[in-house]
Amino acid sequence: MHSLSPEFLDRLRYDGLQLATLRTLGEHRGKQQLFTIQSPEVLRDLKQVAVIESAESSNRLEGVVVKPSRLKPLIVRNATPKSRSEQELAGYRDALALIHESASDMPLSVGVVRQLHALLYRYMPQDGGNWKATNNDIIEKGPDGSSRVRFQPVAAHLTPMAMNKLVDCYQHALDRHLADPLVLVPLTILDFLCIHPFPDGNGRMARLLTLVLLYHFDYDVGRFISLERIIEESKESYYETLETSSQGWHEGQHNARPWLDYFWGALLRAYKEFEARVGTIDNSRGNKSDRVRAEALNRTLPFSISELEESCPGISRDTVRLVLRALKAEGLVKPTGKGRGAKWINIQ
């Protein structure tokens, strides 16, 4: 489509910071493979936390919320969904599982896109995998009840042709090496969102397709660190850059740089977090994460991060926070407040 045409790609220019970011991401990809070999036990735990956070955050971005006590049973144990929100979460769970297991066998194609959308809706009354039948303008609602059109996607009757063209343009750009894969991937996601091919679930589909495409080029960090959580934590920038970069898209005159910068920044943050977590291994004293986990779960009274840090000398505050977030995702602890004075309690 418009972002993947040879003419558009040829017009793209990158400054020194962008080129340095791309080089850094390539370096992280290389180190990621070493960590995978050296730290399998830590990566196993990271995978479980990442899939919980990914399903929760991607759905919460669309206003779909599930009780914390139901998250782990639904995602890790494949419990049967009991409500519409749980049905949507379970569908995302299944799509994630397929991607993590089979992304290398899932080329970008119309069939794969429709298959993933069908998985999203497999527990819902309505069928997924069907293109939109009516136009679906992207509407922003203000706190005062007002609304405005953020973007007008491709018309419904043109959607099948647009999706076929998106797939063809992506493959052509890839085959001809018209741009770095880390340029082609976010531009493909931008075009997908501008087409908005489904009546619902386009945002979640965009995040699933991001994982698929990154897997194709060995950027596997989404297996261990939730990209969806990172997007949720920066959702204002996520939506702002998408809106900015979609202006003029229909005419092929849009400025993709804000979206590219956001996408690369989110991916870089994921890699830095990944290396920080894997770097907590200390073979002489055992897994640092396990030490923090045991200390937290042995507490009978409310405790603060500072108190937990004092009880685990030699372990960074970042590690303590990461372990608490994992325990929260598992439904084992919960915070009783926010900010510096927040306390945590066991809910076992």
Protein backbone atom coordinates (compact mmCIF):
# COMPACT_ATOMS: atom_id res chain seq x y z
CA MET A 1 0.00 0.00 0.00
CA HIS A 2 0.93 3.66 0.23
CA SER A 3 3.76 3.35 2.80
CA LEU A 4 5.33 0.40 0.98
CA SER A 5 5.40 1.71 -2.58
CA PRO A 6 8.88 1.98 -4.11
CA GLU A 7 8.36 5.73 -4.55
CA PHE A 8 7.46 6.30 -0.90
CA LEU A 9 10.31 4.13 0.39
CA ASP A 10 12.75 5.90 -1.91
CA ARG A 11 11.76 9.27 -0.43
CA LEU A 12 12.44 8.21 3.15
CA ARG A 13 15.47 9.81 4.78
CA TYR A 14 17.01 8.89 8.12
CA ASP A 15 18.98 11.14 10.45
CA GLY A 16 21.95 10.08 12.55
CA LEU A 17 19.85 9.23 15.61
CA GLN A 18 17.53 6.99 13.62
CA LEU A 19 20.41 5.15 11.99
CA ALA A 20 22.07 4.69 15.38
CA THR A 21 18.79 3.30 16.78
CA LEU A 22 18.56 0.77 13.96
CA ARG A 23 22.16 -0.33 14.57
CA THR A 24 21.52 -0.66 18.28
CA LEU A 25 18.42 -2.80 17.68
CA GLY A 26 20.50 -5.07 15.47
CA GLU A 27 23.07 -5.44 18.24
CA HIS A 28 20.36 -6.30 20.75
CA ARG A 29 19.03 -8.96 18.40
CA GLY A 30 22.49 -10.58 18.33
CA LYS A 31 22.83 -10.57 22.12
CA GLN A 32 19.31 -11.94 22.49
CA GLN A 33 20.40 -15.19 20.88
CA LEU A 34 23.24 -15.57 23.41
CA PHE A 35 20.88 -14.98 26.34
CA THR A 36 18.54 -17.63 24.95
CA ILE A 37 21.33 -20.19 25.16
CA GLN A 38 22.79 -19.09 28.49
CA SER A 39 19.67 -18.41 30.57
CA PRO A 40 16.88 -20.86 29.68
CA GLU A 41 15.43 -21.02 33.20
CA VAL A 42 14.97 -17.25 33.42
CA LEU A 43 13.50 -17.08 29.94
CA ARG A 44 10.89 -19.67 30.87
CA ASP A 45 9.58 -17.40 33.63
CA LEU A 46 9.72 -14.35 31.38
CA LYS A 47 7.60 -16.10 28.75
CA GLN A 48 4.82 -16.78 31.22
CA VAL A 49 4.73 -13.23 32.53
CA ALA A 50 4.92 -11.78 29.01
CA VAL A 51 1.95 -13.73 27.68
CA ILE A 52 -0.19 -12.66 30.65
CA GLU A 53 0.80 -9.01 30.29
CA SER A 54 0.39 -9.08 26.51
CA ALA A 55 -3.15 -10.45 26.57
CA GLU A 56 -4.16 -8.13 29.40
CA SER A 57 -2.64 -4.93 27.99
CA SER A 58 -3.68 -5.39 24.36
CA ASN A 59 -7.29 -5.97 25.38
CA ARG A 60 -7.28 -3.22 28.01
CA LEU A 61 -6.20 -0.75 25.31
CA GLU A 62 -9.56 -1.53 23.66
CA GLY A 63 -11.49 -1.19 26.92
CA VAL A 64 -11.66 -4.94 27.62
CA VAL A 65 -10.92 -5.63 31.29
CA VAL A 66 -10.84 -8.94 33.17
CA LYS A 67 -10.59 -9.44 36.93
CA PRO A 68 -6.96 -9.97 38.04
CA SER A 69 -7.90 -13.22 39.78
CA ARG A 70 -9.06 -14.63 36.44
CA LEU A 71 -6.03 -13.65 34.37
CA LYS A 72 -3.71 -16.54 35.14
CA PRO A 73 -6.41 -19.25 35.04
CA LEU A 74 -7.55 -17.95 31.65
CA ILE A 75 -4.16 -17.44 30.03
CA VAL A 76 -1.84 -19.98 31.60
CA ARG A 77 -4.27 -22.77 32.40
CA ASN A 78 -6.61 -22.19 29.44
CA ALA A 79 -9.71 -21.89 31.63
CA THR A 80 -13.10 -21.61 29.93
CA PRO A 81 -14.16 -17.95 29.52
CA LYS A 82 -17.29 -16.94 31.44
CA SER A 83 -18.05 -13.45 30.09
CA ARG A 84 -17.66 -11.42 26.91
CA SER A 85 -14.48 -9.80 28.22
CA GLU A 86 -13.04 -13.19 29.09
CA GLN A 87 -14.02 -14.49 25.64
CA GLU A 88 -12.05 -11.67 24.02
CA LEU A 89 -9.06 -12.31 26.29
CA ALA A 90 -9.14 -16.05 25.58
CA GLY A 91 -9.19 -15.38 21.85
CA TYR A 92 -6.10 -13.20 22.14
CA ARG A 93 -4.48 -15.91 24.27
CA ASP A 94 -4.99 -18.49 21.53
CA ALA A 95 -3.71 -16.15 18.80
CA LEU A 96 -0.59 -15.42 20.86
CA ALA A 97 0.02 -19.12 21.42
CA LEU A 98 -0.17 -19.80 17.69
CA ILE A 99 2.26 -16.98 16.92
CA HIS A 100 4.79 -18.03 19.56
CA GLU A 101 4.70 -21.60 18.26
CA SER A 102 4.42 -21.12 14.51
CA ALA A 103 5.34 -17.58 13.44
CA SER A 104 8.04 -18.87 11.09
CA ASP A 105 5.34 -20.76 9.18
CA MET A 106 2.99 -17.76 9.02
CA PRO A 107 3.99 -15.52 6.11
CA LEU A 108 2.13 -12.25 5.74
CA SER A 109 -0.86 -13.21 3.62
CA VAL A 110 -4.56 -12.48 3.46
CA GLY A 111 -5.21 -16.00 4.72
CA VAL A 112 -2.99 -15.60 7.79
CA VAL A 113 -4.52 -12.23 8.65
CA ARG A 114 -8.04 -13.63 8.45
CA GLN A 115 -7.04 -16.73 10.40
CA LEU A 116 -5.67 -14.66 13.28
CA HIS A 117 -8.80 -12.52 13.38
CA ALA A 118 -10.94 -15.66 13.42
CA LEU A 119 -8.94 -16.87 16.44
CA LEU A 120 -9.65 -13.60 18.22
CA TYR A 121 -13.36 -14.29 17.85
CA ARG A 122 -13.44 -18.06 18.31
CA TYR A 123 -15.24 -17.79 21.66
CA MET A 124 -17.56 -14.96 20.57
CA PRO A 125 -21.11 -15.33 19.22
CA GLN A 126 -20.12 -13.62 15.95
CA ASP A 127 -17.60 -15.09 13.52
CA GLY A 128 -14.23 -13.45 12.95
CA GLY A 129 -12.08 -13.39 9.85
CA ASN A 130 -14.51 -11.43 7.68
CA TRP A 131 -13.74 -8.04 6.15
CA LYS A 132 -15.88 -5.11 7.23
CA ALA A 133 -19.21 -4.70 5.44
CA THR A 134 -19.65 -1.01 6.31
CA ASN A 135 -17.27 1.92 6.65
CA ASN A 136 -15.66 2.29 10.08
CA ASP A 137 -14.34 5.78 10.72
CA ILE A 138 -11.98 6.03 13.69
CA ILE A 139 -13.75 8.27 16.19
CA GLU A 140 -12.23 9.98 19.21
CA LYS A 141 -14.58 10.83 22.07
CA GLY A 142 -13.73 13.73 24.35
CA PRO A 143 -14.31 13.86 28.12
CA ASP A 144 -17.17 16.31 27.54
CA GLY A 145 -19.01 13.85 25.31
CA SER A 146 -17.91 15.45 22.06
CA SER A 147 -16.47 13.37 19.23
CA ARG A 148 -14.34 13.87 16.16
CA VAL A 149 -13.14 11.73 13.28
CA ARG A 150 -9.47 10.94 13.81
CA PHE A 151 -9.14 9.11 10.51
CA GLN A 152 -11.26 7.75 7.69
CA PRO A 153 -9.96 4.29 6.73
CA VAL A 154 -10.31 2.65 3.35
CA ALA A 155 -13.96 2.26 2.32
CA ALA A 156 -15.54 -1.15 2.97
CA HIS A 157 -16.04 -2.04 -0.70
CA LEU A 158 -12.34 -1.36 -1.41
CA THR A 159 -11.00 -3.30 1.58
CA PRO A 160 -10.40 -6.73 -0.07
CA MET A 161 -8.41 -5.09 -2.87
CA ALA A 162 -6.48 -2.94 -0.39
CA MET A 163 -5.48 -5.94 1.73
CA ASN A 164 -4.30 -7.87 -1.31
CA LYS A 165 -2.26 -4.88 -2.38
CA LEU A 166 -0.77 -4.49 1.10
CA VAL A 167 0.47 -8.08 1.04
CA ASP A 168 1.84 -7.74 -2.50
CA CYS A 169 3.62 -4.44 -1.76
CA TYR A 170 5.19 -5.85 1.40
CA GLN A 171 6.48 -8.92 -0.41
CA HIS A 172 7.78 -6.84 -3.32
CA ALA A 173 9.64 -4.45 -0.99
CA LEU A 174 11.07 -7.41 0.91
CA ASP A 175 12.17 -9.31 -2.18
CA ARG A 176 13.80 -6.22 -3.71
CA HIS A 177 15.45 -5.12 -0.43
CA LEU A 178 13.89 -1.68 -0.77
CA ALA A 179 14.29 -0.96 2.96
CA ASP A 180 15.50 -2.49 6.20
CA PRO A 181 13.01 -4.97 7.72
CA LEU A 182 12.76 -2.67 10.75
CA VAL A 183 11.40 -0.04 8.37
CA LEU A 184 9.08 -2.36 6.47
CA VAL A 185 7.49 -3.89 9.57
CA PRO A 186 6.17 -0.68 11.19
CA LEU A 187 5.14 0.72 7.80
CA THR A 188 3.12 -2.44 7.15
CA ILE A 189 1.39 -2.04 10.51
CA LEU A 190 0.66 1.62 9.73
CA ASP A 191 -0.93 0.67 6.40
CA PHE A 192 -2.94 -2.11 8.03
CA LEU A 193 -4.38 0.34 10.55
CA CYS A 194 -5.14 2.87 7.83
CA ILE A 195 -7.05 0.19 5.93
CA HIS A 196 -8.80 -0.95 9.16
CA PRO A 197 -10.09 -4.04 7.37
CA PHE A 198 -12.25 -5.62 10.09
CA PRO A 199 -15.43 -4.34 11.75
CA ASP A 200 -13.71 -4.69 15.14
CA GLY A 201 -10.43 -5.90 16.62
CA ASN A 202 -8.12 -3.97 14.28
CA GLY A 203 -5.92 -2.62 17.08
CA ARG A 204 -5.38 -6.05 18.58
CA MET A 205 -4.74 -7.49 15.13
CA ALA A 206 -2.09 -4.83 14.46
CA ARG A 207 -0.25 -5.81 17.63
CA LEU A 208 -0.45 -9.52 16.79
CA LEU A 209 0.84 -8.89 13.27
CA THR A 210 3.69 -6.86 14.75
CA LEU A 211 4.83 -9.96 16.66
CA VAL A 212 4.51 -12.17 13.59
CA LEU A 213 6.58 -9.88 11.37
CA LEU A 214 9.26 -9.25 14.00
CA TYR A 215 9.62 -13.00 14.47
CA HIS A 216 10.34 -13.36 10.74
CA PHE A 217 13.53 -11.31 11.21
CA ASP A 218 14.60 -12.88 14.52
CA TYR A 219 13.52 -9.92 16.65
CA ASP A 220 12.06 -12.31 19.23
CA VAL A 221 11.93 -10.00 22.23
CA GLY A 222 8.11 -10.08 22.18
CA ARG A 223 8.32 -13.69 23.37
CA PHE A 224 9.90 -12.54 26.64
CA ILE A 225 8.83 -8.92 27.11
CA SER A 226 5.28 -7.75 26.47
CA LEU A 227 5.34 -5.20 23.64
CA GLU A 228 1.63 -4.70 24.27
CA ARG A 229 2.33 -3.58 27.85
CA ILE A 230 4.96 -1.14 26.64
CA ILE A 231 2.46 0.27 24.16
CA GLU A 232 -0.20 0.56 26.85
CA GLU A 233 2.20 2.38 29.16
CA SER A 234 2.89 4.90 26.37
CA LYS A 235 -0.56 4.85 24.79
CA GLU A 236 -0.83 8.63 24.43
CA SER A 237 2.27 8.67 22.22
CA TYR A 238 1.07 5.52 20.45
CA TYR A 239 -2.20 7.09 19.36
CA GLU A 240 -0.71 10.52 18.69
CA THR A 241 2.02 9.23 16.38
CA LEU A 242 -0.43 7.00 14.52
CA GLU A 243 -2.75 9.93 13.94
CA THR A 244 0.09 12.22 12.86
CA SER A 245 1.60 9.67 10.47
CA SER A 246 -1.77 8.78 8.93
CA GLN A 247 -2.50 12.34 7.79
CA GLY A 248 -2.26 12.42 3.98
CA TRP A 249 -1.99 8.62 3.82
CA HIS A 250 -4.67 8.19 1.15
CA GLU A 251 -2.65 10.43 -1.16
CA GLY A 252 0.69 8.83 -0.26
CA GLN A 253 1.87 12.16 1.15
CA HIS A 254 1.99 11.21 4.82
CA ASN A 255 4.95 11.62 7.16
CA ALA A 256 5.83 8.20 8.58
CA ARG A 257 8.69 9.43 10.74
CA PRO A 258 6.70 9.96 14.00
CA TRP A 259 5.36 6.41 13.83
CA LEU A 260 8.74 4.93 12.94
CA ASP A 261 10.40 6.74 15.84
CA TYR A 262 7.72 5.54 18.25
CA PHE A 263 7.89 1.95 17.01
CA TRP A 264 11.69 1.76 17.23
CA GLY A 265 11.65 3.39 20.65
CA ALA A 266 9.16 0.86 21.99
CA LEU A 267 11.18 -2.03 20.58
CA LEU A 268 14.39 -0.61 22.03
CA ARG A 269 12.76 -0.26 25.45
CA ALA A 270 11.68 -3.91 25.26
CA TYR A 271 15.23 -5.04 24.54
CA LYS A 272 16.69 -2.96 27.35
CA GLU A 273 14.14 -4.39 29.76
CA PHE A 274 14.87 -7.88 28.48
CA GLU A 275 18.59 -7.54 29.11
CA ALA A 276 17.98 -6.01 32.53
CA ARG A 277 15.84 -8.97 33.54
CA VAL A 278 18.15 -11.66 32.16
CA GLY A 279 21.08 -9.85 33.72
CA THR A 280 19.71 -10.54 37.20
CA ILE A 281 21.20 -14.03 37.22
CA ASP A 282 23.85 -14.60 39.86
CA ASN A 283 24.99 -18.21 39.80
CA SER A 284 26.97 -17.92 43.02
CA ARG A 285 23.95 -16.91 45.07
CA GLY A 286 21.07 -18.34 43.08
CA ASN A 287 18.57 -16.60 40.87
CA LYS A 288 18.01 -13.09 42.21
CA SER A 289 14.41 -13.09 41.03
CA ASP A 290 13.77 -16.26 43.03
CA ARG A 291 15.23 -14.63 46.15
CA VAL A 292 12.97 -11.60 45.84
CA ARG A 293 9.99 -13.81 45.09
CA ALA A 294 10.55 -15.97 48.17
CA GLU A 295 11.04 -12.93 50.40
CA ALA A 296 7.86 -11.28 49.16
CA LEU A 297 5.71 -14.39 49.51
CA ASN A 298 6.99 -14.99 53.06
CA ARG A 299 5.77 -11.60 54.25
CA THR A 300 2.67 -11.65 56.46
CA LEU A 301 2.37 -7.88 56.91
CA PRO A 302 2.11 -5.17 54.24
CA PHE A 303 5.53 -4.24 52.89
CA SER A 304 7.08 -1.57 50.70
CA ILE A 305 9.50 -1.91 47.82
CA SER A 306 12.18 -0.30 49.97
CA GLU A 307 11.68 -2.86 52.73
CA LEU A 308 11.89 -5.71 50.26
CA GLU A 309 15.02 -4.18 48.75
CA GLU A 310 16.67 -3.98 52.19
CA SER A 311 15.94 -7.66 52.78
CA CYS A 312 17.60 -8.62 49.50
CA PRO A 313 21.02 -6.92 49.51
CA GLY A 314 22.80 -6.78 46.20
CA ILE A 315 19.58 -6.81 44.18
CA SER A 316 18.53 -3.70 42.30
CA ARG A 317 15.25 -1.90 42.80
CA ASP A 318 14.38 -2.53 39.15
CA THR A 319 14.60 -6.28 39.77
CA VAL A 320 12.39 -5.99 42.86
CA ARG A 321 9.79 -4.08 40.87
CA LEU A 322 9.87 -6.59 38.02
CA VAL A 323 9.34 -9.51 40.40
CA LEU A 324 6.44 -7.76 42.12
CA ARG A 325 4.83 -7.08 38.76
CA ALA A 326 5.18 -10.78 37.88
CA LEU A 327 3.65 -11.80 41.21
CA LYS A 328 0.80 -9.36 40.64
CA ALA A 329 0.16 -10.85 37.18
CA GLU A 330 -0.03 -14.28 38.83
CA GLY A 331 -2.58 -13.00 41.35
CA LEU A 332 -0.29 -13.60 44.35
CA VAL A 333 0.25 -10.02 45.56
CA LYS A 334 -1.41 -6.66 45.08
CA PRO A 335 -0.55 -3.02 45.83
CA THR A 336 -2.63 -1.12 48.39
CA GLY A 337 -1.79 2.32 47.06
CA LYS A 338 0.23 4.30 44.54
CA GLY A 339 3.46 6.26 44.63
CA ARG A 340 6.37 6.09 47.04
CA GLY A 341 4.24 5.21 50.05
CA ALA A 342 2.54 2.26 48.41
CA LYS A 343 2.45 -1.02 50.29
CA TRP A 344 2.10 -4.54 48.94
CA ILE A 345 0.22 -7.45 50.50
CA ASN A 346 0.02 -11.19 49.87
CA ILE A 347 -3.37 -12.42 48.70
CA GLN A 348 -2.63 -16.14 48.70
